[in-house]
Amino acid sequence: GCLIPGEKVITDSGIKNVEEVTLFDKLINKDGEKVSILNLQRYYKNNEDVYTIKISNCYRTTTFTKEHPIYVSN
């Protein structure tokens, strides 16, 4: 898993903890489109590095593992 429990994701029914997402939710992708969830994958993180970023002009941080893609723009 690329997001740890407690991290937030945006769904068609609002912001949810990643561990609360179900197959009935649709995720909102980086382009603002609704994306169906084909399967849920849950992993136990054992001694794996995690990274935390904070975007400017935002109060939240996001913590993730090395598998998570990060999209940036200028």
PDB file of N, CA and C in Angstrom:
ATOM      1  N   GLY A   1       0.811  -1.191   0.000  1.00  0.00           N
ATOM      2  CA  GLY A   1       0.000   0.000   0.000  1.00  0.00           C
ATOM      3  C   GLY A   1       0.848   1.245   0.000  1.00  0.00           C
ATOM      4  N   CYS A   2       0.380   2.223  -0.702  1.00  0.00           N
ATOM      5  CA  CYS A   2       1.152   3.462  -0.801  1.00  0.00           C
ATOM      6  C   CYS A   2       0.674   4.530   0.171  1.00  0.00           C
ATOM      7  N   LEU A   3      -0.504   4.365   0.761  1.00  0.00           N
ATOM      8  CA  LEU A   3      -0.982   5.298   1.776  1.00  0.00           C
ATOM      9  C   LEU A   3      -1.165   4.549   3.083  1.00  0.00           C
ATOM     10  N   ILE A   4      -0.805   5.203   4.174  1.00  0.00           N
ATOM     11  CA  ILE A   4      -0.921   4.553   5.469  1.00  0.00           C
ATOM     12  C   ILE A   4      -2.301   4.861   6.070  1.00  0.00           C
ATOM     13  N   PRO A   5      -2.779   4.034   6.983  1.00  0.00           N
ATOM     14  CA  PRO A   5      -4.083   4.277   7.605  1.00  0.00           C
ATOM     15  C   PRO A   5      -4.181   5.680   8.185  1.00  0.00           C
ATOM     16  N   GLY A   6      -5.337   6.290   8.008  1.00  0.00           N
ATOM     17  CA  GLY A   6      -5.559   7.648   8.493  1.00  0.00           C
ATOM     18  C   GLY A   6      -5.353   8.707   7.427  1.00  0.00           C
ATOM     19  N   GLU A   7      -4.689   8.359   6.323  1.00  0.00           N
ATOM     20  CA  GLU A   7      -4.512   9.325   5.242  1.00  0.00           C
ATOM     21  C   GLU A   7      -5.851   9.524   4.533  1.00  0.00           C
ATOM     22  N   LYS A   8      -6.070  10.717   4.055  1.00  0.00           N
ATOM     23  CA  LYS A   8      -7.335  11.085   3.426  1.00  0.00           C
ATOM     24  C   LYS A   8      -7.259  10.947   1.909  1.00  0.00           C
ATOM     25  N   VAL A   9      -8.370  10.524   1.317  1.00  0.00           N
ATOM     26  CA  VAL A   9      -8.522  10.494  -0.134  1.00  0.00           C
ATOM     27  C   VAL A   9      -9.849  11.155  -0.469  1.00  0.00           C
ATOM     28  N   ILE A  10      -9.953  11.663  -1.686  1.00  0.00           N
ATOM     29  CA  ILE A  10     -11.180  12.327  -2.121  1.00  0.00           C
ATOM     30  C   ILE A  10     -12.017  11.337  -2.923  1.00  0.00           C
ATOM     31  N   THR A  11     -13.257  11.147  -2.484  1.00  0.00           N
ATOM     32  CA  THR A  11     -14.182  10.254  -3.168  1.00  0.00           C
ATOM     33  C   THR A  11     -15.381  11.053  -3.656  1.00  0.00           C
ATOM     34  N   ASP A  12     -16.238  10.395  -4.417  1.00  0.00           N
ATOM     35  CA  ASP A  12     -17.445  11.066  -4.903  1.00  0.00           C
ATOM     36  C   ASP A  12     -18.415  11.400  -3.776  1.00  0.00           C
ATOM     37  N   SER A  13     -18.204  10.821  -2.586  1.00  0.00           N
ATOM     38  CA  SER A  13     -19.063  11.153  -1.441  1.00  0.00           C
ATOM     39  C   SER A  13     -18.316  11.978  -0.389  1.00  0.00           C
ATOM     40  N   GLY A  14     -17.161  12.508  -0.746  1.00  0.00           N
ATOM     41  CA  GLY A  14     -16.410  13.374   0.154  1.00  0.00           C
ATOM     42  C   GLY A  14     -15.059  12.800   0.535  1.00  0.00           C
ATOM     43  N   ILE A  15     -14.395  13.457   1.466  1.00  0.00           N
ATOM     44  CA  ILE A  15     -13.073  13.030   1.928  1.00  0.00           C
ATOM     45  C   ILE A  15     -13.249  11.883   2.921  1.00  0.00           C
ATOM     46  N   LYS A  16     -12.457  10.815   2.738  1.00  0.00           N
ATOM     47  CA  LYS A  16     -12.519   9.646   3.615  1.00  0.00           C
ATOM     48  C   LYS A  16     -11.116   9.206   3.996  1.00  0.00           C
ATOM     49  N   ASN A  17     -11.013   8.531   5.135  1.00  0.00           N
ATOM     50  CA  ASN A  17      -9.767   7.837   5.453  1.00  0.00           C
ATOM     51  C   ASN A  17      -9.597   6.715   4.443  1.00  0.00           C
ATOM     52  N   VAL A  18      -8.393   6.487   4.004  1.00  0.00           N
ATOM     53  CA  VAL A  18      -8.134   5.497   2.963  1.00  0.00           C
ATOM     54  C   VAL A  18      -8.641   4.111   3.363  1.00  0.00           C
ATOM     55  N   GLU A  19      -8.566   3.772   4.647  1.00  0.00           N
ATOM     56  CA  GLU A  19      -9.010   2.449   5.084  1.00  0.00           C
ATOM     57  C   GLU A  19     -10.536   2.306   5.102  1.00  0.00           C
ATOM     58  N   GLU A  20     -11.267   3.406   4.934  1.00  0.00           N
ATOM     59  CA  GLU A  20     -12.732   3.373   4.922  1.00  0.00           C
ATOM     60  C   GLU A  20     -13.312   3.323   3.506  1.00  0.00           C
ATOM     61  N   VAL A  21     -12.468   3.380   2.498  1.00  0.00           N
ATOM     62  CA  VAL A  21     -12.930   3.350   1.108  1.00  0.00           C
ATOM     63  C   VAL A  21     -13.434   1.948   0.778  1.00  0.00           C
ATOM     64  N   THR A  22     -14.557   1.881   0.050  1.00  0.00           N
ATOM     65  CA  THR A  22     -15.135   0.597  -0.357  1.00  0.00           C
ATOM     66  C   THR A  22     -15.190   0.528  -1.885  1.00  0.00           C
ATOM     67  N   LEU A  23     -15.562  -0.624  -2.385  1.00  0.00           N
ATOM     68  CA  LEU A  23     -15.707  -0.794  -3.840  1.00  0.00           C
ATOM     69  C   LEU A  23     -16.867   0.020  -4.397  1.00  0.00           C
ATOM     70  N   PHE A  24     -17.746   0.508  -3.532  1.00  0.00           N
ATOM     71  CA  PHE A  24     -18.880   1.320  -3.988  1.00  0.00           C
ATOM     72  C   PHE A  24     -18.504   2.784  -4.168  1.00  0.00           C
ATOM     73  N   ASP A  25     -17.350   3.196  -3.624  1.00  0.00           N
ATOM     74  CA  ASP A  25     -16.878   4.574  -3.794  1.00  0.00           C
ATOM     75  C   ASP A  25     -16.250   4.748  -5.160  1.00  0.00           C
ATOM     76  N   LYS A  26     -16.171   5.998  -5.592  1.00  0.00           N
ATOM     77  CA  LYS A  26     -15.370   6.361  -6.757  1.00  0.00           C
ATOM     78  C   LYS A  26     -14.347   7.375  -6.262  1.00  0.00           C
ATOM     79  N   LEU A  27     -13.093   7.166  -6.636  1.00  0.00           N
ATOM     80  CA  LEU A  27     -12.047   8.115  -6.276  1.00  0.00           C
ATOM     81  C   LEU A  27     -12.028   9.260  -7.274  1.00  0.00           C
ATOM     82  N   ILE A  28     -11.590  10.409  -6.825  1.00  0.00           N
ATOM     83  CA  ILE A  28     -11.422  11.562  -7.714  1.00  0.00           C
ATOM     84  C   ILE A  28      -9.945  11.618  -8.071  1.00  0.00           C
ATOM     85  N   ASN A  29      -9.647  11.549  -9.383  1.00  0.00           N
ATOM     86  CA  ASN A  29      -8.240  11.518  -9.801  1.00  0.00           C
ATOM     87  C   ASN A  29      -7.663  12.919  -9.931  1.00  0.00           C
ATOM     88  N   LYS A  30      -6.413  12.999 -10.364  1.00  0.00           N
ATOM     89  CA  LYS A  30      -5.712  14.288 -10.446  1.00  0.00           C
ATOM     90  C   LYS A  30      -6.345  15.250 -11.445  1.00  0.00           C
ATOM     91  N   ASP A  31      -7.172  14.732 -12.354  1.00  0.00           N
ATOM     92  CA  ASP A  31      -7.851  15.574 -13.332  1.00  0.00           C
ATOM     93  C   ASP A  31      -9.273  15.926 -12.908  1.00  0.00           C
ATOM     94  N   GLY A  32      -9.671  15.514 -11.694  1.00  0.00           N
ATOM     95  CA  GLY A  32     -10.995  15.806 -11.183  1.00  0.00           C
ATOM     96  C   GLY A  32     -12.073  14.847 -11.670  1.00  0.00           C
ATOM     97  N   GLU A  33     -11.672  13.750 -12.289  1.00  0.00           N
ATOM     98  CA  GLU A  33     -12.627  12.777 -12.811  1.00  0.00           C
ATOM     99  C   GLU A  33     -12.887  11.675 -11.802  1.00  0.00           C
ATOM    100  N   LYS A  34     -14.106  11.120 -11.831  1.00  0.00           N
ATOM    101  CA  LYS A  34     -14.447   9.995 -10.964  1.00  0.00           C
ATOM    102  C   LYS A  34     -13.884   8.713 -11.558  1.00  0.00           C
ATOM    103  N   VAL A  35     -13.230   7.917 -10.712  1.00  0.00           N
ATOM    104  CA  VAL A  35     -12.576   6.684 -11.148  1.00  0.00           C
ATOM    105  C   VAL A  35     -13.131   5.523 -10.327  1.00  0.00           C
ATOM    106  N   SER A  36     -13.577   4.473 -11.006  1.00  0.00           N
ATOM    107  CA  SER A  36     -14.071   3.284 -10.311  1.00  0.00           C
ATOM    108  C   SER A  36     -12.920   2.545  -9.653  1.00  0.00           C
ATOM    109  N   ILE A  37     -13.213   1.884  -8.553  1.00  0.00           N
ATOM    110  CA  ILE A  37     -12.226   1.083  -7.838  1.00  0.00           C
ATOM    111  C   ILE A  37     -12.443  -0.364  -8.244  1.00  0.00           C
ATOM    112  N   LEU A  38     -11.421  -0.992  -8.798  1.00  0.00           N
ATOM    113  CA  LEU A  38     -11.540  -2.365  -9.276  1.00  0.00           C
ATOM    114  C   LEU A  38     -11.267  -3.385  -8.185  1.00  0.00           C
ATOM    115  N   ASN A  39     -10.365  -3.073  -7.267  1.00  0.00           N
ATOM    116  CA  ASN A  39     -10.099  -3.949  -6.134  1.00  0.00           C
ATOM    117  C   ASN A  39      -9.455  -3.140  -5.020  1.00  0.00           C
ATOM    118  N   LEU A  40      -9.592  -3.641  -3.819  1.00  0.00           N
ATOM    119  CA  LEU A  40      -8.979  -2.998  -2.655  1.00  0.00           C
ATOM    120  C   LEU A  40      -7.787  -3.833  -2.221  1.00  0.00           C
ATOM    121  N   GLN A  41      -6.670  -3.184  -2.044  1.00  0.00           N
ATOM    122  CA  GLN A  41      -5.465  -3.895  -1.618  1.00  0.00           C
ATOM    123  C   GLN A  41      -5.026  -3.317  -0.280  1.00  0.00           C
ATOM    124  N   ARG A  42      -4.907  -4.184   0.690  1.00  0.00           N
ATOM    125  CA  ARG A  42      -4.488  -3.772   2.022  1.00  0.00           C
ATOM    126  C   ARG A  42      -3.191  -4.499   2.359  1.00  0.00           C
ATOM    127  N   TYR A  43      -2.226  -3.750   2.861  1.00  0.00           N
ATOM    128  CA  TYR A  43      -0.919  -4.303   3.189  1.00  0.00           C
ATOM    129  C   TYR A  43      -0.546  -3.901   4.606  1.00  0.00           C
ATOM    130  N   TYR A  44       0.262  -4.693   5.234  1.00  0.00           N
ATOM    131  CA  TYR A  44       0.848  -4.330   6.511  1.00  0.00           C
ATOM    132  C   TYR A  44       2.219  -3.742   6.236  1.00  0.00           C
ATOM    133  N   LYS A  45       2.448  -2.536   6.732  1.00  0.00           N
ATOM    134  CA  LYS A  45       3.720  -1.860   6.528  1.00  0.00           C
ATOM    135  C   LYS A  45       4.689  -2.315   7.617  1.00  0.00           C
ATOM    136  N   ASN A  46       5.725  -2.999   7.208  1.00  0.00           N
ATOM    137  CA  ASN A  46       6.721  -3.486   8.154  1.00  0.00           C
ATOM    138  C   ASN A  46       8.064  -2.833   7.877  1.00  0.00           C
ATOM    139  N   ASN A  47       8.521  -2.007   8.798  1.00  0.00           N
ATOM    140  CA  ASN A  47       9.849  -1.382   8.685  1.00  0.00           C
ATOM    141  C   ASN A  47      10.076  -0.763   7.313  1.00  0.00           C
ATOM    142  N   GLU A  48       9.097  -0.066   6.808  1.00  0.00           N
ATOM    143  CA  GLU A  48       9.211   0.584   5.510  1.00  0.00           C
ATOM    144  C   GLU A  48       9.272   2.092   5.722  1.00  0.00           C
ATOM    145  N   ASP A  49      10.130   2.752   4.970  1.00  0.00           N
ATOM    146  CA  ASP A  49      10.223   4.202   5.074  1.00  0.00           C
ATOM    147  C   ASP A  49       8.921   4.844   4.616  1.00  0.00           C
ATOM    148  N   VAL A  50       8.528   5.910   5.291  1.00  0.00           N
ATOM    149  CA  VAL A  50       7.391   6.716   4.859  1.00  0.00           C
ATOM    150  C   VAL A  50       7.878   8.147   4.698  1.00  0.00           C
ATOM    151  N   TYR A  51       7.205   8.889   3.857  1.00  0.00           N
ATOM    152  CA  TYR A  51       7.575  10.258   3.534  1.00  0.00           C
ATOM    153  C   TYR A  51       6.372  11.158   3.771  1.00  0.00           C
ATOM    154  N   THR A  52       6.615  12.340   4.278  1.00  0.00           N
ATOM    155  CA  THR A  52       5.549  13.299   4.531  1.00  0.00           C
ATOM    156  C   THR A  52       5.849  14.577   3.766  1.00  0.00           C
ATOM    157  N   ILE A  53       4.846  15.068   3.050  1.00  0.00           N
ATOM    158  CA  ILE A  53       4.991  16.346   2.351  1.00  0.00           C
ATOM    159  C   ILE A  53       3.880  17.289   2.795  1.00  0.00           C
ATOM    160  N   LYS A  54       4.161  18.569   2.675  1.00  0.00           N
ATOM    161  CA  LYS A  54       3.174  19.617   2.927  1.00  0.00           C
ATOM    162  C   LYS A  54       3.250  20.582   1.765  1.00  0.00           C
ATOM    163  N   ILE A  55       2.127  20.796   1.155  1.00  0.00           N
ATOM    164  CA  ILE A  55       2.051  21.707   0.013  1.00  0.00           C
ATOM    165  C   ILE A  55       1.884  23.121   0.544  1.00  0.00           C
ATOM    166  N   SER A  56       2.517  24.090  -0.121  1.00  0.00           N
ATOM    167  CA  SER A  56       2.391  25.471   0.328  1.00  0.00           C
ATOM    168  C   SER A  56       0.936  25.915   0.230  1.00  0.00           C
ATOM    169  N   ASN A  57       0.561  26.852   1.076  1.00  0.00           N
ATOM    170  CA  ASN A  57      -0.802  27.402   1.134  1.00  0.00           C
ATOM    171  C   ASN A  57      -1.833  26.353   1.526  1.00  0.00           C
ATOM    172  N   CYS A  58      -1.417  25.328   2.252  1.00  0.00           N
ATOM    173  CA  CYS A  58      -2.318  24.269   2.702  1.00  0.00           C
ATOM    174  C   CYS A  58      -1.904  23.871   4.110  1.00  0.00           C
ATOM    175  N   TYR A  59      -2.860  23.553   4.966  1.00  0.00           N
ATOM    176  CA  TYR A  59      -2.519  23.189   6.339  1.00  0.00           C
ATOM    177  C   TYR A  59      -2.261  21.695   6.507  1.00  0.00           C
ATOM    178  N   ARG A  60      -2.683  20.871   5.563  1.00  0.00           N
ATOM    179  CA  ARG A  60      -2.569  19.418   5.691  1.00  0.00           C
ATOM    180  C   ARG A  60      -1.224  18.903   5.194  1.00  0.00           C
ATOM    181  N   THR A  61      -0.840  17.749   5.727  1.00  0.00           N
ATOM    182  CA  THR A  61       0.295  17.008   5.205  1.00  0.00           C
ATOM    183  C   THR A  61      -0.225  15.681   4.660  1.00  0.00           C
ATOM    184  N   THR A  62       0.577  15.022   3.859  1.00  0.00           N
ATOM    185  CA  THR A  62       0.249  13.689   3.354  1.00  0.00           C
ATOM    186  C   THR A  62       1.457  12.802   3.599  1.00  0.00           C
ATOM    187  N   THR A  63       1.193  11.622   4.143  1.00  0.00           N
ATOM    188  CA  THR A  63       2.251  10.659   4.421  1.00  0.00           C
ATOM    189  C   THR A  63       2.009   9.427   3.564  1.00  0.00           C
ATOM    190  N   PHE A  64       3.058   8.930   2.938  1.00  0.00           N
ATOM    191  CA  PHE A  64       2.909   7.847   1.972  1.00  0.00           C
ATOM    192  C   PHE A  64       4.203   7.046   1.902  1.00  0.00           C
ATOM    193  N   THR A  65       4.138   5.893   1.234  1.00  0.00           N
ATOM    194  CA  THR A  65       5.333   5.075   1.014  1.00  0.00           C
ATOM    195  C   THR A  65       5.903   5.386  -0.368  1.00  0.00           C
ATOM    196  N   LYS A  66       7.012   4.755  -0.701  1.00  0.00           N
ATOM    197  CA  LYS A  66       7.704   5.054  -1.964  1.00  0.00           C
ATOM    198  C   LYS A  66       6.916   4.634  -3.199  1.00  0.00           C
ATOM    199  N   GLU A  67       5.881   3.795  -3.050  1.00  0.00           N
ATOM    200  CA  GLU A  67       5.101   3.360  -4.213  1.00  0.00           C
ATOM    201  C   GLU A  67       4.108   4.407  -4.704  1.00  0.00           C
ATOM    202  N   HIS A  68       3.837   5.433  -3.909  1.00  0.00           N
ATOM    203  CA  HIS A  68       2.795   6.393  -4.260  1.00  0.00           C
ATOM    204  C   HIS A  68       3.303   7.409  -5.280  1.00  0.00           C
ATOM    205  N   PRO A  69       2.582   7.585  -6.404  1.00  0.00           N
ATOM    206  CA  PRO A  69       3.002   8.606  -7.375  1.00  0.00           C
ATOM    207  C   PRO A  69       2.706  10.012  -6.839  1.00  0.00           C
ATOM    208  N   ILE A  70       3.549  10.940  -7.169  1.00  0.00           N
ATOM    209  CA  ILE A  70       3.371  12.340  -6.790  1.00  0.00           C
ATOM    210  C   ILE A  70       3.351  13.172  -8.070  1.00  0.00           C
ATOM    211  N   TYR A  71       2.279  13.923  -8.262  1.00  0.00           N
ATOM    212  CA  TYR A  71       2.165  14.786  -9.427  1.00  0.00           C
ATOM    213  C   TYR A  71       2.490  16.216  -9.013  1.00  0.00           C
ATOM    214  N   VAL A  72       3.327  16.866  -9.787  1.00  0.00           N
ATOM    215  CA  VAL A  72       3.718  18.243  -9.489  1.00  0.00           C
ATOM    216  C   VAL A  72       3.538  19.107 -10.722  1.00  0.00           C
ATOM    217  N   SER A  73       3.358  20.385 -10.485  1.00  0.00           N
ATOM    218  CA  SER A  73       3.293  21.359 -11.589  1.00  0.00           C
ATOM    219  C   SER A  73       3.856  22.668 -11.080  1.00  0.00           C
ATOM    220  N   ASN A  74       4.107  23.566 -11.964  1.00  0.00           N
ATOM    221  CA  ASN A  74       4.627  24.863 -11.534  1.00  0.00           C
ATOM    222  C   ASN A  74       3.698  25.973 -11.913  1.00  0.00           C
TER     223      ASN A  74
END
